[in-house]
Protein backbone atom coordinates (compact mmCIF):
# COMPACT_ATOMS: atom_id res chain seq x y z
CA MET A 1 11.76 14.73 3.72
CA TYR A 2 9.23 12.44 5.38
CA PRO A 3 10.14 11.34 8.93
CA HIS A 4 11.87 7.98 9.35
CA VAL A 5 10.53 6.03 12.32
CA ARG A 6 12.63 3.09 13.55
CA VAL A 7 11.10 0.61 15.99
CA SER A 8 12.07 -2.72 17.53
CA GLY A 9 10.83 -5.31 19.97
CA SER A 10 7.47 -6.97 20.49
CA ALA A 11 4.36 -5.99 18.55
CA ARG A 12 2.96 -3.87 21.39
CA THR A 13 6.32 -2.22 22.06
CA ARG A 14 6.90 -1.42 18.38
CA GLY A 15 3.46 0.12 18.15
CA GLN A 16 4.14 2.27 21.22
CA GLN A 17 7.47 3.43 19.80
CA TYR A 18 5.82 4.20 16.46
CA GLY A 19 3.01 6.26 17.95
CA SER A 20 5.26 8.11 20.40
CA GLN A 21 7.71 9.20 17.68
CA VAL A 22 5.10 10.79 15.39
CA PRO A 23 2.08 11.65 17.58
CA ASP A 24 1.40 14.87 15.68
CA ARG A 25 1.25 13.03 12.36
CA VAL A 26 -1.02 10.35 13.81
CA ALA A 27 -3.33 13.08 15.12
CA ARG A 28 -3.34 14.72 11.67
CA SER A 29 -4.32 11.40 10.08
CA ILE A 30 -7.26 11.05 12.44
CA ASP A 31 -8.38 14.65 11.95
CA ALA A 32 -8.09 14.39 8.18
CA TYR A 33 -10.14 11.21 7.99
CA ARG A 34 -12.89 12.69 10.14
CA LYS A 35 -13.44 15.11 7.26
CA VAL A 36 -12.81 12.59 4.50
CA PHE A 37 -15.25 10.01 5.84
CA ALA A 38 -17.92 12.66 6.33
CA HIS A 39 -17.41 13.79 2.74
CA TYR A 40 -17.21 10.42 1.01
CA ALA A 41 -19.27 8.09 3.22
CA HIS A 42 -21.54 10.70 4.86
CA TRP A 43 -20.74 9.15 8.26
CA ASP A 44 -19.97 11.05 11.46
CA TRP A 45 -17.03 9.91 13.55
CA ASP A 46 -19.12 7.94 16.04
CA LYS A 47 -20.56 5.92 13.16
CA VAL A 48 -17.09 5.38 11.67
CA THR A 49 -15.54 4.15 14.92
CA HIS A 50 -18.55 1.91 15.63
CA GLU A 51 -18.15 0.29 12.21
CA ALA A 52 -14.37 0.05 12.60
CA MET A 53 -14.66 -1.95 15.82
CA ARG A 54 -16.52 -4.67 13.87
CA TYR A 55 -13.13 -5.52 12.31
CA VAL A 56 -11.44 -6.29 15.63
CA ALA A 57 -12.60 -9.92 15.75
CA PRO A 58 -11.52 -10.80 12.18
CA ILE A 59 -8.10 -9.22 12.76
CA ASP A 60 -7.71 -11.06 16.06
CA GLU A 61 -8.53 -14.37 14.38
CA PHE A 62 -6.15 -13.65 11.48
CA GLY A 63 -3.21 -12.33 13.50
CA PRO A 64 -3.58 -11.06 17.08
CA GLN A 65 -0.11 -9.53 16.86
CA TYR A 66 -1.46 -6.95 14.42
CA LEU A 67 -4.07 -5.88 16.96
CA GLU A 68 -1.26 -5.54 19.48
CA GLU A 69 0.59 -3.23 17.08
CA LEU A 70 -2.55 -1.14 16.64
CA ARG A 71 -3.13 -0.91 20.38
CA GLY A 72 0.50 0.09 20.83
CA ILE A 73 0.22 2.87 18.23
CA ALA A 74 -2.81 4.25 20.08
CA GLU A 75 -0.97 4.15 23.40
CA GLY A 76 2.18 5.72 22.02
CA ALA A 77 0.32 8.53 20.25
CA GLU A 78 -2.06 8.94 23.21
CA VAL A 79 -5.21 8.62 21.12
CA PRO A 80 -8.22 6.28 21.49
CA PHE A 81 -7.80 2.79 20.10
CA ASP A 82 -11.04 3.05 18.12
CA ASP A 83 -9.61 6.11 16.32
CA ILE A 84 -6.61 4.03 15.23
CA MET A 85 -8.95 1.24 14.13
CA ALA A 86 -10.96 3.78 12.12
CA ILE A 87 -8.03 5.02 10.03
CA ASN A 88 -6.79 1.46 9.46
CA VAL A 89 -10.10 0.56 7.83
CA ARG A 90 -10.21 3.75 5.75
CA THR A 91 -10.20 1.72 2.50
CA GLU A 92 -13.19 -0.33 3.64
CA VAL A 93 -15.11 2.77 4.73
CA MET A 94 -14.45 4.82 1.60
CA TYR A 95 -14.66 2.20 -1.14
CA ALA A 96 -17.58 0.35 0.41
CA ALA A 97 -19.46 3.65 0.54
CA LYS A 98 -18.66 4.24 -3.12
CA ALA A 99 -19.70 0.73 -4.16
CA ARG A 100 -22.97 1.02 -2.22
CA ASN A 101 -23.70 4.36 -3.84
CA ALA A 102 -22.32 3.82 -7.35
CA ALA A 103 -25.40 5.38 -8.90
CA MET A 104 -24.80 8.63 -7.01
CA GLN A 105 -22.54 11.44 -8.17
CA LEU A 106 -19.85 10.76 -5.58
CA PRO A 107 -16.44 12.44 -5.69
CA ARG A 108 -13.86 10.53 -7.70
CA VAL A 109 -10.25 10.10 -6.64
CA GLY A 110 -7.11 8.82 -8.32
CA GLU A 111 -4.80 6.22 -6.88
CA CYS A 112 -1.63 4.33 -7.82
CA THR A 113 0.45 3.05 -10.73
CA ALA A 114 2.60 0.03 -9.83
CA PHE A 115 5.08 -2.29 -11.53
CA ALA A 116 7.41 -5.25 -11.11
CA ALA A 117 10.30 -5.91 -13.50
CA VAL A 118 11.84 -9.39 -13.55
CA PRO A 119 14.78 -9.59 -15.97
CA SER A 120 16.17 -12.85 -17.34
CA ASP A 121 19.75 -11.58 -17.68
CA GLY A 122 20.77 -11.38 -14.02
CA ARG A 123 19.94 -7.73 -13.48
CA PRO A 124 18.06 -6.95 -10.26
CA VAL A 125 14.33 -7.36 -9.69
CA LEU A 126 12.62 -3.97 -9.38
CA VAL A 127 9.29 -3.32 -7.67
CA GLY A 128 7.77 0.11 -7.24
CA GLN A 129 4.93 2.54 -7.63
CA ASN A 130 3.61 6.04 -7.35
CA TRP A 131 1.23 6.37 -4.44
CA ASP A 132 -1.44 8.93 -5.30
CA TRP A 133 -3.75 10.00 -2.52
CA LEU A 134 -5.53 12.92 -0.91
CA ALA A 135 -3.37 15.98 -0.30
CA HIS A 136 -3.45 15.70 3.50
CA ALA A 137 -1.10 12.70 3.19
CA PHE A 138 1.81 15.08 2.50
CA ASP A 139 1.53 15.94 6.21
CA THR A 140 1.01 12.39 7.49
CA THR A 141 3.35 10.10 5.53
CA ILE A 142 6.26 8.41 7.28
CA VAL A 143 8.87 5.74 6.46
CA LEU A 144 8.57 2.98 9.05
CA GLU A 145 11.66 0.81 9.67
CA SER A 146 10.76 -2.17 11.85
CA ASP A 147 12.94 -4.74 13.62
CA PRO A 148 10.52 -7.17 15.27
CA THR A 149 11.48 -9.60 18.02
CA SER A 150 9.70 -12.24 15.95
CA GLY A 151 9.37 -11.99 12.17
CA PRO A 152 11.25 -10.29 9.34
CA ARG A 153 12.70 -6.82 9.48
CA PHE A 154 10.79 -4.63 7.06
CA VAL A 155 10.47 -1.08 5.74
CA THR A 156 7.21 0.50 4.60
CA ALA A 157 6.13 3.97 3.50
CA VAL A 158 2.76 4.57 5.13
CA GLU A 159 0.34 7.14 6.55
CA ALA A 160 1.05 7.75 10.24
CA GLY A 161 -1.13 5.50 12.38
CA LEU A 162 -1.62 2.85 9.70
CA LEU A 163 0.16 -0.50 9.73
CA ALA A 164 1.70 -0.72 6.25
CA LYS A 165 1.65 0.20 2.57
CA THR A 166 4.34 -0.38 -0.06
CA GLY A 167 7.65 -1.75 1.16
CA PHE A 168 10.09 -4.67 1.37
CA ASN A 169 11.64 -7.01 3.90
CA GLU A 170 14.90 -8.75 4.75
CA TYR A 171 13.92 -11.92 2.85
CA GLY A 172 13.80 -10.09 -0.46
CA ILE A 173 10.01 -9.73 -0.62
CA GLY A 174 8.91 -6.48 -2.30
CA LEU A 175 5.34 -5.24 -2.11
CA ALA A 176 3.41 -2.68 -4.15
CA THR A 177 -0.34 -2.27 -4.28
CA ASN A 178 -3.33 -0.67 -6.00
CA ALA A 179 -6.80 0.04 -4.68
CA LEU A 180 -9.59 -1.69 -6.63
CA ALA A 181 -13.36 -1.63 -6.19
CA CYS A 182 -16.22 -3.79 -7.42
CA GLU A 183 -19.87 -4.16 -6.53
CA THR A 184 -19.09 -6.69 -3.78
CA ASP A 185 -17.10 -4.10 -1.78
CA LEU A 186 -19.84 -3.59 0.79
CA GLY A 187 -17.83 -3.21 3.97
CA GLN A 188 -18.46 -6.69 5.38
CA PRO A 189 -15.99 -7.30 8.21
CA GLY A 190 -12.96 -9.36 7.27
CA VAL A 191 -9.23 -8.74 7.22
CA PRO A 192 -8.81 -5.06 6.23
CA PHE A 193 -6.59 -4.01 3.34
CA HIS A 194 -3.90 -2.31 5.43
CA VAL A 195 -3.71 -5.22 7.88
CA MET A 196 -3.23 -7.60 4.94
CA LEU A 197 -0.42 -5.41 3.60
CA ARG A 198 1.26 -5.56 7.00
CA ALA A 199 0.91 -9.36 7.08
CA LEU A 200 2.46 -9.70 3.62
CA LEU A 201 5.59 -7.94 4.90
CA ASP A 202 5.93 -10.83 7.39
CA SER A 203 6.40 -13.28 4.50
CA VAL A 204 9.64 -15.22 4.26
CA THR A 205 9.01 -16.65 0.76
CA PRO A 206 6.79 -15.70 -2.19
CA ALA A 207 4.70 -18.82 -1.53
CA HIS A 208 4.25 -17.70 2.08
CA ALA A 209 2.94 -14.36 0.82
CA LEU A 210 0.38 -16.02 -1.45
CA ALA A 211 -0.67 -18.37 1.35
CA THR A 212 -1.22 -15.33 3.60
CA LEU A 213 -3.67 -13.86 1.09
CA GLN A 214 -5.45 -17.21 0.85
CA ARG A 215 -5.89 -18.02 4.52
CA ALA A 216 -8.57 -15.55 5.58
CA SER A 217 -11.59 -13.69 4.30
CA ARG A 218 -10.55 -10.26 3.02
CA SER A 219 -12.87 -7.30 3.43
CA SER A 220 -12.04 -5.30 0.29
CA SER A 221 -10.81 -5.49 -3.28
CA ALA A 222 -7.16 -4.71 -4.03
CA HIS A 223 -4.25 -5.59 -6.27
CA TYR A 224 -1.24 -7.00 -4.43
CA LEU A 225 2.02 -6.98 -6.40
CA ILE A 226 4.59 -9.28 -4.85
CA GLY A 227 8.16 -9.54 -6.11
CA HIS A 228 11.12 -11.53 -4.84
CA ARG A 229 14.86 -11.25 -5.35
CA ASP A 230 14.97 -14.82 -6.74
CA HIS A 231 13.52 -13.31 -9.94
CA LEU A 232 9.91 -14.09 -9.12
CA ALA A 233 6.83 -11.89 -9.19
CA LEU A 234 3.08 -12.25 -9.10
CA GLY A 235 0.22 -9.81 -9.45
CA ILE A 236 -2.87 -10.80 -7.45
CA GLU A 237 -6.24 -9.17 -8.03
CA ALA A 238 -8.46 -9.78 -5.01
CA THR A 239 -12.13 -9.18 -4.44
CA PRO A 240 -13.78 -9.48 -1.00
CA GLY A 241 -13.76 -13.10 0.13
CA GLY A 242 -11.38 -16.00 0.33
CA PHE A 243 -9.25 -18.26 -1.83
CA ALA A 244 -11.64 -18.41 -4.79
CA ASP A 245 -11.69 -14.62 -5.06
CA LEU A 246 -8.04 -14.24 -6.09
CA HIS A 247 -6.87 -13.95 -9.72
CA LEU A 248 -3.16 -14.31 -10.45
CA THR A 249 -1.01 -12.71 -13.16
CA SER A 250 2.61 -13.54 -14.00
CA PRO A 251 5.12 -11.25 -15.74
CA ASP A 252 4.40 -10.72 -19.44
CA ALA A 253 6.75 -11.62 -22.31
CA ARG A 254 8.89 -8.59 -21.42
CA GLY A 255 9.23 -9.76 -17.82
CA VAL A 256 6.98 -6.99 -16.50
CA ILE A 257 3.79 -6.72 -14.45
CA LEU A 258 1.93 -3.40 -14.64
CA HIS A 259 -1.16 -2.35 -12.75
CA ALA A 260 -3.29 0.70 -12.06
CA ASN A 261 -6.74 0.91 -10.42
CA HIS A 262 -8.95 -1.28 -12.57
CA PHE A 263 -9.25 -5.04 -12.97
CA VAL A 264 -7.43 -6.53 -15.96
CA HIS A 265 -7.61 -10.29 -15.34
CA ASP A 266 -9.70 -12.08 -17.98
CA ARG A 267 -11.51 -14.11 -15.30
CA PHE A 268 -12.81 -11.05 -13.48
CA ASP A 269 -16.61 -11.21 -13.76
CA HIS A 270 -17.90 -8.46 -11.46
CA VAL A 271 -18.78 -4.83 -12.08
CA ASP A 272 -15.56 -2.79 -12.01
CA VAL A 273 -16.57 0.16 -9.85
CA GLY A 274 -12.93 1.29 -9.89
CA LEU A 275 -13.16 2.32 -13.55
CA TRP A 276 -16.13 4.51 -12.68
CA LEU A 277 -14.39 6.01 -9.64
CA MET A 278 -10.95 6.37 -11.26
CA PRO A 279 -11.39 6.67 -15.05
CA ASP A 280 -7.81 7.92 -15.37
CA SER A 281 -6.65 4.41 -14.44
CA ALA A 282 -7.13 3.01 -17.95
CA PHE A 283 -5.07 5.82 -19.46
CA ARG A 284 -2.27 5.56 -16.90
CA TYR A 285 -2.05 1.84 -17.61
CA GLN A 286 -1.97 2.45 -21.37
CA ARG A 287 0.74 5.08 -21.00
CA ALA A 288 2.93 2.87 -18.80
CA ASP A 289 2.55 -0.12 -21.11
CA ARG A 290 3.62 1.89 -24.17
CA TRP A 291 6.51 3.50 -22.26
CA LEU A 292 7.96 0.13 -21.30
CA THR A 293 7.64 -1.13 -24.85
CA GLU A 294 9.82 1.76 -26.02
CA GLN A 295 12.32 1.90 -23.13
CA ASP A 296 14.53 -0.55 -21.23
CA PRO A 297 12.11 -2.13 -18.73
CA PHE A 298 14.90 -3.17 -16.33
CA ASP A 299 16.64 0.18 -15.89
CA ILE A 300 15.79 2.23 -12.81
CA SER A 301 16.08 5.44 -14.85
CA THR A 302 13.24 4.19 -17.08
CA TYR A 303 10.93 4.06 -14.07
CA GLU A 304 12.08 7.38 -12.63
CA ALA A 305 11.09 8.99 -15.94
CA LEU A 306 7.86 7.00 -16.24
CA LEU A 307 6.72 7.83 -12.71
CA SER A 308 7.30 11.53 -13.48
CA ASP A 309 5.15 11.42 -16.64
CA HIS A 310 2.34 13.96 -17.03
CA ALA A 311 0.29 12.58 -19.96
CA GLY A 312 -3.35 13.21 -19.07
CA HIS A 313 -2.38 16.01 -16.65
CA PRO A 314 -3.37 16.60 -13.87
CA THR A 315 -4.42 12.94 -13.41
CA GLY A 316 -1.38 11.40 -15.10
CA ILE A 317 1.01 8.83 -13.69
CA CYS A 318 2.57 11.76 -11.83
CA CYS A 319 -0.67 13.14 -10.41
CA HIS A 320 -1.08 16.81 -9.52
CA PRO A 321 -3.84 18.39 -7.43
CA ASN A 322 -6.86 19.74 -9.26
CA LEU A 323 -6.93 23.15 -7.62
CA THR A 324 -10.50 23.76 -8.76
CA ALA A 325 -11.69 20.90 -6.52
CA ILE A 326 -12.48 21.26 -2.82
CA GLU A 327 -9.84 20.20 -0.29
CA GLN A 328 -11.26 16.71 0.35
CA GLU A 329 -11.13 15.91 -3.38
CA GLN A 330 -7.63 17.13 -4.19
CA GLU A 331 -5.23 14.26 -4.81
CA ALA A 332 -1.60 14.05 -5.85
CA THR A 333 1.36 11.71 -6.02
CA VAL A 334 2.41 11.69 -2.38
CA LEU A 335 5.49 9.54 -2.89
CA SER A 336 7.30 7.51 -5.51
CA VAL A 337 9.35 4.42 -4.73
CA ILE A 338 11.51 1.98 -6.71
CA MET A 339 12.92 -0.98 -4.76
CA ASP A 340 15.94 -3.00 -5.90
CA LEU A 341 15.35 -6.38 -4.26
CA ASP A 342 18.88 -7.61 -4.92
CA ALA A 343 20.78 -4.63 -3.48
CA MET A 344 18.08 -3.95 -0.85
CA THR A 345 17.96 -0.29 -1.78
CA MET A 346 15.03 2.05 -2.22
CA ARG A 347 14.91 4.97 -4.64
CA PHE A 348 12.49 7.31 -2.91
CA ALA A 349 10.91 10.63 -3.86
CA ASP A 350 9.32 12.45 -0.90
CA GLY A 351 6.51 14.00 -2.93
CA LEU A 352 5.86 14.65 -6.60
CA PRO A 353 8.66 12.85 -8.49
CA CYS A 354 8.67 15.49 -11.24
CA THR A 355 9.91 18.11 -8.76
CA THR A 356 11.37 16.05 -5.89
CA ALA A 357 14.73 14.38 -6.51
CA TYR A 358 14.88 10.67 -5.81
CA ARG A 359 17.20 9.74 -2.98
CA THR A 360 18.77 6.31 -2.48
CA ILE A 361 18.16 4.62 0.87
CA ASP A 362 20.41 1.60 1.44
CA TYR A 363 18.80 -0.97 3.76
CA SER A 364 21.32 -3.77 3.18
CA GLU A 365 22.91 -3.25 6.60
CA PHE A 366 19.57 -2.88 8.37
CA PHE A 367 18.41 -6.17 6.88
CA ARG A 368 21.64 -8.05 7.59
CA ARG A 369 21.29 -10.19 10.70
CA PRO A 370 24.39 -11.24 12.66
CA VAL A 371 25.54 -14.85 12.26
CA PRO A 372 24.67 -16.75 15.46
CA LEU A 373 27.65 -17.77 17.58
CA THR A 374 28.19 -21.54 17.86
CA ARG A 375 30.24 -23.44 20.41
CA ALA A 376 33.36 -25.12 19.07
CA ASP A 377 33.49 -28.82 19.92
């Protein structure tokens, strides 16, 4: 079972608590990405950290509290701050390198299959995904449970040392995500992907979440899948840039949003590098779409079965390592999560969902704030 890390207090204090509870996992993240960046971007660590520090100013302008969290993680784990910055811009380093070198025979890597289900009959809103990533993440993943002095309580499953990934918060916001890449992913400094994910978990309404995506220049492409317990959901395909570089998708006639690692919005007009990097994406999307046509799209058991599916093995929805590939190119489903935004529970598989039983984590008490005391007149 992945470690659960619970933190509270100010941004700096929470970062320190985070880093101090899992210093070995943070160190493994840094060591793993030294090798990964050398393999995918052909950059040594000095080059990576130099490039990573270019993102400090955009993060500070967007939300200085997120820099404080990052500095706290470095202090708590007793590692250099620029190392923590480097792993938090891992998406920008890797996918920008791939976009710049799309004509080269670069290694290809799978990613995620995500969904939101918004029923019209009063059943709960479900948001979830498989997170597929490089095999080292089995040794670095944690579940972060955060109780900030200011801002919503939230839970996120994330690589140790990074700010956020998929998760939900006390206001009923659920977040899933997919990596995307197009020819404009060139590593220009802006708000990094993982910082934006962290900021979305500070949202108190769905509109607040969308406004967060709109208010700054983003550095990389991504799909952000935002659900809310008031039976609302939106899929947002983003390319590097600002407000004009967002394309929105609502639930389909079934009440479902599906996404993998390629652009599907009809207004997307760039070169989809993601389809070149992750050709399995189109087949995972097709498989999920057909599955939900044939099964109840609002039943958790439907998604547990779907996220364990092996069509297209080993790069199916439940992704298994290709053991013929070298270590830096072996990917797998690192975790599987299904969030019930009404009950505030998380169905969580700590590893491959085909072999790891889902466990239910109830966060309703963690998210319940005490009623303030008032003076009787």
